[in-house]
Every structure is written in C-alpha cells, then in structure tokens.
Amino acid sequence: MAETINMPKLGFDMAEGTLVRWVKKTGETITKGDILAEIETDKATVEVESPASGTIRVLLVEEGAVIPVNSPIAIVGSPDEPVEAPVVLGTKTGNIESAPTPSTSPAEEHRTVSSQHGEGSDLLKASPLAKRIARENKVDLSSIKGSGPGGRIVRRDIEMILTAGATSEVPVPSSSAPTQEKPVKLANDQVVKFTRLRQAIARRMTTAKTSIPHFYVTHEYKMDNLMNLREQLNKVQPEGEKVSVNDFIIKAVSLTLNQYPNLNSSLEDNGMILHAQVNVGVAVAVEGGLLTVVCREADRKPLTQIAKEVRSMAARARENKVRPEEIEGSTFSISNLGMFDVENFSAIINPPESAILAVGTVREVPVVEAGQIKASLRMKATVSVDHRLSDGAEAAKFMQTLAVFLEEPLRLIL
C-alpha cells in the first residue's frame, strides 16, 4: 500500500523547512533508512531518511520549495499500484514530478532528468545559500567557477560577483592557504538579506543575551603535558585519524561535568533539569554562520572515538549533510577559536543550556616557576554560566577540576 511521506519536524521550534535537494528520484527503489532528501531548517541543511521502503512514485514538491511541517512531500509504494497525489502547499502547477510510466524508455527518462537540472547538473555544485543568493540577485550560476571543495560554488563566489557588479566567472585561488583579501570599495550601499541560519542565530543569541544572566570565570591552563602526549599519540595514529587539542578538551569537559551537574543542566518553569547524559556541543564555523554538532555521552567514549565522531560531523556540517540527531540535544557547549590565534574571549550561552566554554589558543609564554623564568605552553579558557542555575564559586571549582584533567592528560586515556 502506498505511503505518504511528510515534511519532518527537525527540532522543537521548527514550523517549516526548505526542500533543498531530492537525493532519490521518481521510479527509484528506496529502503527505509536511506537518505531521501536534503532539507534546510533554521539551523542547518540536514539529510533526511525515508521512513518507508518501496518505489518512489511521486515527488510532490519541487527543489527550493518552503513546506510546512507535516505536509506531504512524497509518495512511496509498489511500482504498479495507482496513487493519487494530494494538494500540497509550496508547490506550483506543473512542478510535481511523477514516476515515469512503464512505457517510458530509459533514454526518455534521462532526458526528463536532464531537462530539470541541465546536462552535467552544474547547479547541484552550489551550496543552498549560494543558490538562494544567486536566485535573489539574478546571478547565472552556470557562468561561475566555484572556489569551494570540488569546485562547489559557495557564498563568497556570489558575493564577489555582486561586489564587482558583474556576472562573469569568479577566479579560483591558486592555493587553499589563507590569502590577504584585497579591500573592495562598494559603489553603493548594498542590502544583504539574512539567511535562515543567520536569522535563527540572531533570534537565539538576542534571546540568550537579554534573558540569561551571564557571568564569566577565566582560568589559564598549563598545556605542556597535554601537547607532549598529543604529539606522541599522533605519531602512531594513521593519517586522517589524528587527535586535536579540542578532542582532549571535549573529553576533559565531559568528565568534569560529572562532578558539577548544575553546569550540565537546563532551566524549566519551576526548576531545573539535571541531565543524565553528558552531550557536548561543539561549535563549527559553516558557510553563513555557526552550527553546533553534538558528541553524545562524551564522558563514556575513548578519546580516539571522540576525535573520529567530531571530525566526521564537522565535515558533514560544512557540506550540509548532517543528520537531525547530530545537531540536537547538547547539554553543554564548547566554542574554540584557538585556530584563529585568539588569546581569550567570552561566548554566549546556547539556550536552554546552563553554560558554555570559550577556548583560546595554546601559546608559548614566559612564566615564573620556583623563582625562575622559563617558557611554558599555556591556554586560557572562559566559562559563561547562567546565574540562575549556578554561582561563581561552583564555576570556579569547575575550572579548577578541568585543570586536573588538562594538566594531567593521562587521566583522559586511562
């Protein structure tokens, strides 16, 4: 029997989503759990699995359509059973893609797909944000050479075109290394519309900063032992499986939170929820904003598993291929700007969490020990805490306990 698949609710506050791309096409066989489509929410573009198995009979919405949650988007059934497509919000007449009848030849089906996407599917080699900006500013994507991975067109490519006031080909940098951007003088003021992600960030951060009473505690950590241990571990780790400083911090934070449950909590109407799991959110810079991926039960996982999971999720986040469970459910967050040579900063709490740790760069600095000046590796970190759920003394003790794990890093691997 045919089954209708609806727009999923990918978050408690999601009301609608944009269907960015169909991964499967009409007439193809799909198994429950296979990736069906990429859907953009306020937070991210996520890969959505099919809840049913069978043949895709009808795709009810076009790519780029904004669809309310629980509205039908596709029908899956047996190849020969009759189906009746419902009326769907967000679609236009003639845009519903139905499965070809048995008389349709493979060549004709290929021509149908090619007519929708263009030979070579060049439009698919652009990020959803780049597509939207291009569409809003009438920029021809086919004339642009992308500077992203694999020649993918990304936001900066479109912005360079708009800044130059032309729609010609964008030059690709000869190296992936950071380059000095040339200053560009705009001829006129430009109005840049917020993306859905940037709108969500603006809304959530405004709420967080104005409604949560933040306080901050900073601590400087001795990192010599940790950096030496990391170097030794990475000498025996295969290429592509190296352990980062941030992986050590995730593990250390998760173990420390077991001793300070108030910092692994969230606020509710008449009290607070002390979470049984320690799910550490890791802020990842993505095109157009920031996304938090979640390392679940980090306190129970070995360091190498944390490294593998976070590296994989961060890569998928940057490629707009995260799963819903990878960006939901964090109980404490870490924001690390160490790779940008930042000494120290304060982060805004990610509601409904009670705290977030802001991590700076590991620096070689002169220190005084036993009356002698010597060089040492030091790192500053600042915890931002919701004063409704914890107090300064507890936050200070949290930072001191964190020092035990970071400064005696063998505790993290034994």
Protein backbone atom coordinates (compact mmCIF):
# COMPACT_ATOMS: atom_id res chain seq x y z
CA MET A 1 0.00 0.00 0.00
CA ALA A 2 1.29 3.45 -0.93
CA GLU A 3 2.62 5.56 1.95
CA THR A 4 2.75 9.35 2.02
CA ILE A 5 5.92 10.88 3.46
CA ASN A 6 5.51 14.22 5.23
CA MET A 7 7.85 17.10 5.93
CA PRO A 8 9.53 16.01 9.20
CA LYS A 9 9.77 18.17 12.29
CA LEU A 10 13.53 18.54 12.80
CA GLY A 11 13.56 20.45 16.06
CA PHE A 12 11.05 21.54 18.68
CA ASP A 13 10.64 25.04 17.21
CA MET A 14 10.62 24.12 13.51
CA ALA A 15 7.48 25.25 11.67
CA GLU A 16 8.60 24.83 8.06
CA GLY A 17 11.55 23.68 6.01
CA THR A 18 13.05 24.22 2.56
CA LEU A 19 13.45 21.12 0.42
CA VAL A 20 16.93 21.81 -0.92
CA ARG A 21 17.53 18.66 -2.98
CA TRP A 22 15.97 15.30 -3.73
CA VAL A 23 18.62 12.61 -3.24
CA LYS A 24 16.33 9.96 -4.73
CA LYS A 25 14.32 10.38 -7.94
CA THR A 26 10.91 9.10 -9.02
CA GLY A 27 10.91 5.49 -10.09
CA GLU A 28 13.90 4.62 -7.92
CA THR A 29 13.77 1.97 -5.22
CA ILE A 30 14.30 3.17 -1.67
CA THR A 31 14.78 1.29 1.60
CA LYS A 32 13.70 2.57 4.99
CA GLY A 33 16.65 4.50 6.41
CA ASP A 34 18.04 5.56 3.01
CA ILE A 35 18.66 9.28 2.51
CA LEU A 36 15.64 10.69 0.68
CA ALA A 37 16.26 14.44 0.60
CA GLU A 38 18.23 17.38 1.96
CA ILE A 39 16.05 19.76 3.97
CA GLU A 40 17.08 23.17 5.27
CA THR A 41 15.83 24.24 8.68
CA ASP A 42 16.57 27.40 10.63
CA LYS A 43 19.72 25.73 11.94
CA ALA A 44 21.19 23.70 9.11
CA THR A 45 20.72 21.69 5.96
CA VAL A 46 20.21 18.10 7.09
CA GLU A 47 19.95 14.75 5.36
CA VAL A 48 16.54 13.18 5.96
CA GLU A 49 15.98 9.43 5.90
CA SER A 50 12.99 7.72 4.33
CA PRO A 51 10.54 6.25 6.87
CA ALA A 52 9.26 3.74 4.28
CA SER A 53 10.53 1.21 1.74
CA GLY A 54 9.35 0.75 -1.84
CA THR A 55 9.43 2.62 -5.13
CA ILE A 56 9.26 6.40 -5.19
CA ARG A 57 6.04 7.03 -7.10
CA VAL A 58 5.62 10.81 -6.78
CA LEU A 59 7.75 13.71 -5.59
CA LEU A 60 5.17 16.24 -4.50
CA VAL A 61 7.33 19.35 -4.09
CA GLU A 62 9.98 20.99 -6.19
CA GLU A 63 13.51 21.66 -5.01
CA GLY A 64 13.65 25.03 -3.28
CA ALA A 65 10.04 24.94 -2.07
CA VAL A 66 9.25 26.00 1.51
CA ILE A 67 6.95 23.42 3.08
CA PRO A 68 5.13 23.46 6.45
CA VAL A 69 5.93 20.68 8.89
CA ASN A 70 3.78 17.54 8.42
CA SER A 71 2.77 18.49 4.87
CA PRO A 72 3.13 15.64 2.30
CA ILE A 73 6.29 15.73 0.20
CA ALA A 74 6.47 12.30 -1.49
CA ILE A 75 4.63 9.01 -2.02
CA VAL A 76 6.31 5.62 -1.78
CA GLY A 77 4.59 2.41 -2.86
CA SER A 78 4.75 -0.58 -5.19
CA PRO A 79 5.68 0.06 -8.84
CA ASP A 80 2.25 -0.67 -10.33
CA GLU A 81 -0.31 0.48 -7.77
CA PRO A 82 -2.37 3.59 -8.56
CA VAL A 83 -1.60 6.67 -6.46
CA GLU A 84 -3.43 9.94 -6.01
CA ALA A 85 -1.28 12.96 -5.33
CA PRO A 86 -2.69 15.29 -2.65
CA VAL A 87 -2.72 19.06 -2.95
CA VAL A 88 0.44 20.40 -1.34
CA LEU A 89 1.36 23.85 -0.08
CA GLY A 90 4.58 25.20 -1.53
CA THR A 91 4.25 23.59 -4.96
CA LYS A 92 3.25 25.09 -8.27
CA THR A 93 1.21 23.68 -11.10
CA GLY A 94 3.34 21.56 -13.37
CA ASN A 95 6.16 21.20 -10.81
CA ILE A 96 5.08 17.84 -9.38
CA GLU A 97 7.45 15.17 -10.62
CA SER A 98 5.70 11.82 -11.11
CA ALA A 99 7.27 8.45 -11.73
CA PRO A 100 7.54 7.58 -15.43
CA THR A 101 5.00 5.06 -16.72
CA PRO A 102 6.28 1.60 -17.66
CA SER A 103 6.29 2.65 -21.32
CA THR A 104 8.87 5.36 -20.66
CA SER A 105 12.24 4.33 -22.03
CA PRO A 106 15.48 4.83 -20.06
CA ALA A 107 16.61 7.37 -22.66
CA GLU A 108 13.40 9.37 -22.29
CA GLU A 109 13.70 9.24 -18.51
CA HIS A 110 17.30 10.52 -18.78
CA ARG A 111 16.14 13.40 -20.96
CA THR A 112 13.46 14.25 -18.36
CA VAL A 113 16.02 14.45 -15.57
CA SER A 114 18.49 16.37 -17.74
CA SER A 115 15.87 18.95 -18.68
CA GLN A 116 15.24 19.65 -14.99
CA HIS A 117 18.85 20.01 -13.88
CA GLY A 118 20.82 20.70 -17.05
CA GLU A 119 23.43 18.42 -18.59
CA GLY A 120 26.18 17.79 -16.06
CA SER A 121 24.00 19.06 -13.18
CA ASP A 122 26.19 22.15 -12.72
CA LEU A 123 23.55 23.77 -10.50
CA LEU A 124 23.95 20.98 -7.98
CA LYS A 125 27.57 22.01 -7.38
CA ALA A 126 26.50 25.03 -5.36
CA SER A 127 25.63 25.34 -1.70
CA PRO A 128 21.97 26.05 -0.83
CA LEU A 129 22.94 29.51 0.44
CA ALA A 130 24.82 30.30 -2.78
CA LYS A 131 21.82 29.17 -4.85
CA ARG A 132 19.47 31.37 -2.88
CA ILE A 133 21.66 34.49 -3.10
CA ALA A 134 22.17 33.88 -6.81
CA ARG A 135 18.45 33.44 -7.38
CA GLU A 136 17.57 36.62 -5.44
CA ASN A 137 20.17 38.67 -7.34
CA LYS A 138 19.61 37.05 -10.76
CA VAL A 139 23.15 35.67 -10.99
CA ASP A 140 23.75 32.94 -13.57
CA LEU A 141 25.40 30.06 -11.71
CA SER A 142 26.45 28.35 -14.94
CA SER A 143 28.96 31.12 -15.61
CA ILE A 144 30.69 30.84 -12.24
CA LYS A 145 33.64 28.65 -11.30
CA GLY A 146 33.33 27.73 -7.65
CA SER A 147 36.14 28.09 -5.13
CA GLY A 148 34.72 25.54 -2.68
CA PRO A 149 35.63 21.85 -2.34
CA GLY A 150 35.43 20.07 -5.69
CA GLY A 151 34.67 23.32 -7.50
CA ARG A 152 31.49 23.88 -5.47
CA ILE A 153 30.04 27.38 -5.72
CA VAL A 154 29.82 28.95 -2.26
CA ARG A 155 28.59 32.22 -0.83
CA ARG A 156 31.85 34.14 -1.26
CA ASP A 157 31.82 33.39 -5.01
CA ILE A 158 28.41 35.03 -5.39
CA GLU A 159 29.38 37.95 -3.15
CA MET A 160 32.49 38.60 -5.25
CA ILE A 161 30.29 38.74 -8.34
CA LEU A 162 27.84 41.13 -6.70
CA THR A 163 30.61 43.32 -5.34
CA ALA A 164 32.19 43.56 -8.76
CA GLY A 165 28.81 44.42 -10.27
CA ALA A 166 29.10 41.71 -12.91
CA THR A 167 28.10 38.09 -13.57
CA SER A 168 31.32 36.83 -15.05
CA GLU A 169 33.46 33.89 -13.97
CA VAL A 170 34.97 34.02 -10.50
CA PRO A 171 38.71 33.29 -10.38
CA VAL A 172 39.71 30.32 -8.26
CA PRO A 173 42.54 30.93 -5.76
CA SER A 174 45.71 29.10 -6.77
CA SER A 175 46.23 27.86 -3.21
CA SER A 176 43.98 26.78 -0.37
CA ALA A 177 46.21 28.65 2.10
CA PRO A 178 44.79 31.85 3.66
CA THR A 179 45.35 34.86 1.44
CA GLN A 180 45.20 38.56 2.10
CA GLU A 181 41.85 39.85 0.89
CA LYS A 182 42.05 42.97 -1.22
CA PRO A 183 39.85 45.75 0.11
CA VAL A 184 36.81 46.41 -2.07
CA LYS A 185 35.20 49.82 -2.24
CA LEU A 186 31.47 49.49 -2.82
CA ALA A 187 29.99 51.90 -5.33
CA ASN A 188 26.65 51.92 -3.49
CA ASP A 189 25.11 50.66 -0.28
CA GLN A 190 24.01 47.03 -0.52
CA VAL A 191 21.13 45.36 1.26
CA VAL A 192 22.03 41.77 2.16
CA LYS A 193 19.14 39.60 3.30
CA PHE A 194 19.73 37.29 6.23
CA THR A 195 19.76 33.59 5.52
CA ARG A 196 17.52 31.33 7.60
CA LEU A 197 20.57 30.26 9.61
CA ARG A 198 21.64 33.84 10.29
CA GLN A 199 18.05 34.75 11.25
CA ALA A 200 18.00 31.85 13.71
CA ILE A 201 21.37 32.84 15.17
CA ALA A 202 20.25 36.46 15.57
CA ARG A 203 16.99 35.42 17.22
CA ARG A 204 18.53 32.87 19.60
CA MET A 205 21.52 34.97 20.60
CA THR A 206 19.37 38.05 21.25
CA THR A 207 17.12 35.97 23.47
CA ALA A 208 20.10 34.37 25.21
CA LYS A 209 21.98 37.60 25.88
CA THR A 210 18.95 39.60 27.03
CA SER A 211 17.15 36.91 29.07
CA ILE A 212 20.00 34.87 30.60
CA PRO A 213 22.02 36.50 33.42
CA HIS A 214 25.53 35.57 32.32
CA PHE A 215 28.63 35.61 34.48
CA TYR A 216 32.15 34.63 33.44
CA VAL A 217 35.14 32.85 35.00
CA THR A 218 38.53 32.66 33.25
CA HIS A 219 41.36 30.22 34.01
CA GLU A 220 44.80 29.70 32.49
CA TYR A 221 45.88 26.09 31.97
CA LYS A 222 49.34 24.53 31.76
CA MET A 223 49.33 22.63 28.46
CA ASP A 224 52.90 21.27 28.24
CA ASN A 225 51.98 17.71 29.26
CA LEU A 226 48.92 17.59 27.05
CA MET A 227 50.76 18.85 23.99
CA ASN A 228 53.55 16.33 24.53
CA LEU A 229 51.06 13.48 24.94
CA ARG A 230 49.15 14.57 21.83
CA GLU A 231 52.39 14.57 19.82
CA GLN A 232 53.20 11.04 20.95
CA LEU A 233 49.69 9.76 20.20
CA ASN A 234 49.60 11.27 16.75
CA LYS A 235 52.92 9.67 15.82
CA VAL A 236 51.21 6.27 15.93
CA GLN A 237 47.79 7.35 14.66
CA PRO A 238 47.05 6.78 10.94
CA GLU A 239 46.82 9.85 8.71
CA GLY A 240 43.35 11.32 8.93
CA GLU A 241 42.83 9.97 12.47
CA LYS A 242 44.94 12.44 14.42
CA VAL A 243 43.70 13.76 17.76
CA SER A 244 43.23 17.50 18.13
CA VAL A 245 43.60 19.70 21.20
CA ASN A 246 39.85 20.23 21.05
CA ASP A 247 39.26 16.47 21.34
CA PHE A 248 41.21 16.46 24.61
CA ILE A 249 39.14 19.42 25.83
CA ILE A 250 35.84 17.69 24.97
CA LYS A 251 36.87 14.62 26.94
CA ALA A 252 38.15 16.67 29.87
CA VAL A 253 35.00 18.82 29.99
CA SER A 254 32.71 15.78 29.88
CA LEU A 255 34.50 14.12 32.82
CA THR A 256 34.47 17.37 34.79
CA LEU A 257 30.74 17.84 34.23
CA ASN A 258 30.09 14.55 36.03
CA GLN A 259 31.23 16.31 39.19
CA TYR A 260 29.24 19.51 38.57
CA PRO A 261 25.74 18.53 37.36
CA ASN A 262 24.40 22.07 37.71
CA LEU A 263 26.56 23.02 34.72
CA ASN A 264 25.09 20.10 32.75
CA SER A 265 21.52 21.26 33.22
CA SER A 266 18.77 23.33 31.66
CA LEU A 267 16.09 25.64 33.04
CA GLU A 268 12.41 24.79 33.14
CA ASP A 269 9.38 26.62 34.58
CA ASN A 270 9.60 25.52 38.19
CA GLY A 271 13.18 24.40 38.46
CA MET A 272 15.99 22.79 36.51
CA ILE A 273 16.67 19.55 34.67
CA LEU A 274 19.90 17.78 35.65
CA HIS A 275 20.75 15.77 32.55
CA ALA A 276 21.80 12.14 32.95
CA GLN A 277 23.79 12.21 29.71
CA VAL A 278 26.75 14.48 29.04
CA ASN A 279 26.22 15.57 25.42
CA VAL A 280 28.90 18.09 24.47
CA GLY A 281 28.06 20.52 21.68
CA VAL A 282 30.98 21.68 19.55
CA ALA A 283 30.61 24.94 17.63
CA VAL A 284 31.57 24.58 13.95
CA ALA A 285 32.01 27.52 11.58
CA VAL A 286 29.90 26.89 8.47
CA GLU A 287 29.02 28.98 5.47
CA GLY A 288 26.82 31.84 6.61
CA GLY A 289 27.10 31.25 10.35
CA LEU A 290 27.73 28.79 13.15
CA LEU A 291 26.43 25.29 13.80
CA THR A 292 26.76 23.09 16.88
CA VAL A 293 27.36 19.37 16.40
CA VAL A 294 26.81 17.06 19.36
CA CYS A 295 29.17 14.42 20.76
CA ARG A 296 26.75 12.30 22.79
CA GLU A 297 27.82 10.73 26.09
CA ALA A 298 31.33 12.04 25.59
CA ASP A 299 32.29 11.01 29.11
CA ARG A 300 31.79 7.33 28.15
CA LYS A 301 33.80 7.41 24.90
CA PRO A 302 37.55 6.98 24.39
CA LEU A 303 39.49 9.95 23.11
CA THR A 304 40.05 8.44 19.65
CA GLN A 305 36.31 7.82 19.19
CA ILE A 306 35.52 11.41 20.15
CA ALA A 307 38.08 12.63 17.60
CA LYS A 308 36.62 10.45 14.85
CA GLU A 309 32.99 11.40 15.55
CA VAL A 310 33.56 15.15 15.86
CA ARG A 311 35.76 15.27 12.75
CA SER A 312 33.11 13.39 10.75
CA MET A 313 30.20 15.51 11.99
CA ALA A 314 32.08 18.78 11.42
CA ALA A 315 32.85 17.75 7.84
CA ARG A 316 29.20 16.87 7.20
CA ALA A 317 28.09 20.16 8.76
CA ARG A 318 30.29 22.12 6.36
CA GLU A 319 28.92 20.08 3.44
CA ASN A 320 25.28 20.50 4.58
CA LYS A 321 24.92 16.76 5.18
CA VAL A 322 24.31 16.50 8.93
CA ARG A 323 21.60 14.29 10.41
CA PRO A 324 19.00 15.77 12.80
CA GLU A 325 20.38 13.82 15.78
CA GLU A 326 23.85 15.31 15.16
CA ILE A 327 22.75 18.88 15.90
CA GLU A 328 20.13 18.41 18.61
CA GLY A 329 20.32 17.54 22.30
CA SER A 330 23.54 19.14 23.55
CA THR A 331 23.72 19.75 27.32
CA PHE A 332 26.93 21.86 27.40
CA SER A 333 28.80 23.61 24.58
CA ILE A 334 32.39 24.41 23.65
CA SER A 335 33.41 27.24 21.34
CA ASN A 336 37.09 27.03 20.34
CA LEU A 337 38.75 29.91 18.47
CA GLY A 338 42.27 28.70 19.16
CA MET A 339 42.98 28.11 15.47
CA PHE A 340 42.49 31.86 14.88
CA ASP A 341 45.22 32.91 17.34
CA VAL A 342 42.68 34.25 19.84
CA GLU A 343 44.08 34.61 23.36
CA ASN A 344 40.78 34.83 25.24
CA PHE A 345 37.09 35.56 24.67
CA SER A 346 33.63 35.08 26.21
CA ALA A 347 30.87 33.11 24.48
CA ILE A 348 27.09 33.49 24.66
CA ILE A 349 25.23 30.57 26.26
CA ASN A 350 23.33 28.34 23.85
CA PRO A 351 19.83 28.07 25.40
CA PRO A 352 18.47 26.07 27.12
CA GLU A 353 21.94 25.00 28.32
CA SER A 354 23.37 26.43 31.53
CA ALA A 355 26.95 27.08 30.40
CA ILE A 356 29.43 27.28 27.53
CA LEU A 357 33.24 27.14 27.50
CA ALA A 358 35.19 29.57 25.28
CA VAL A 359 38.68 28.28 24.43
CA GLY A 360 41.64 30.30 23.23
CA THR A 361 45.00 29.48 21.63
CA VAL A 362 47.75 27.38 23.19
CA ARG A 363 50.63 29.86 23.46
CA GLU A 364 54.28 29.63 24.45
CA VAL A 365 54.73 32.33 27.10
CA PRO A 366 57.31 33.23 29.77
CA VAL A 367 56.27 32.12 33.25
CA VAL A 368 57.85 32.20 36.70
CA GLU A 369 58.20 28.83 38.46
CA ALA A 370 60.23 28.33 41.64
CA GLY A 371 61.68 31.79 41.19
CA GLN A 372 62.94 31.03 37.68
CA ILE A 373 61.71 32.41 34.35
CA LYS A 374 61.01 29.67 31.82
CA ALA A 375 58.98 29.08 28.67
CA SER A 376 55.71 27.21 29.05
CA LEU A 377 52.67 26.35 26.91
CA ARG A 378 49.55 27.98 28.34
CA MET A 379 45.90 28.22 27.26
CA LYS A 380 43.16 30.49 28.56
CA ALA A 381 39.52 29.44 28.70
CA THR A 382 36.42 31.25 29.94
CA VAL A 383 33.21 29.61 31.09
CA SER A 384 29.97 31.57 30.68
CA VAL A 385 27.33 30.45 33.20
CA ASP A 386 23.62 31.09 33.71
CA HIS A 387 23.49 32.69 37.18
CA ARG A 388 20.01 31.27 37.73
CA LEU A 389 21.42 27.74 37.70
CA SER A 390 24.87 28.12 39.25
CA ASP A 391 27.13 30.53 41.09
CA GLY A 392 30.65 31.88 40.88
CA ALA A 393 32.20 29.50 43.42
CA GLU A 394 30.86 26.43 41.62
CA ALA A 395 32.04 27.73 38.23
CA ALA A 396 35.50 28.42 39.68
CA LYS A 397 35.69 24.89 41.11
CA PHE A 398 34.60 23.52 37.71
CA MET A 399 37.50 25.34 36.06
CA GLN A 400 39.94 24.07 38.72
CA THR A 401 38.80 20.46 38.25
CA LEU A 402 39.07 20.87 34.50
CA ALA A 403 42.71 21.83 35.09
CA VAL A 404 43.36 18.46 36.73
CA PHE A 405 42.33 16.64 33.54
CA LEU A 406 44.05 19.02 31.12
CA GLU A 407 47.29 19.26 33.08
CA GLU A 408 47.44 15.51 33.85
CA PRO A 409 46.17 14.27 30.46
CA LEU A 410 46.91 10.58 31.08
CA ARG A 411 43.65 10.65 33.04
CA LEU A 412 41.88 11.16 29.71
CA ILE A 413 43.14 7.97 28.08
CA LEU A 414 43.37 5.54 31.02
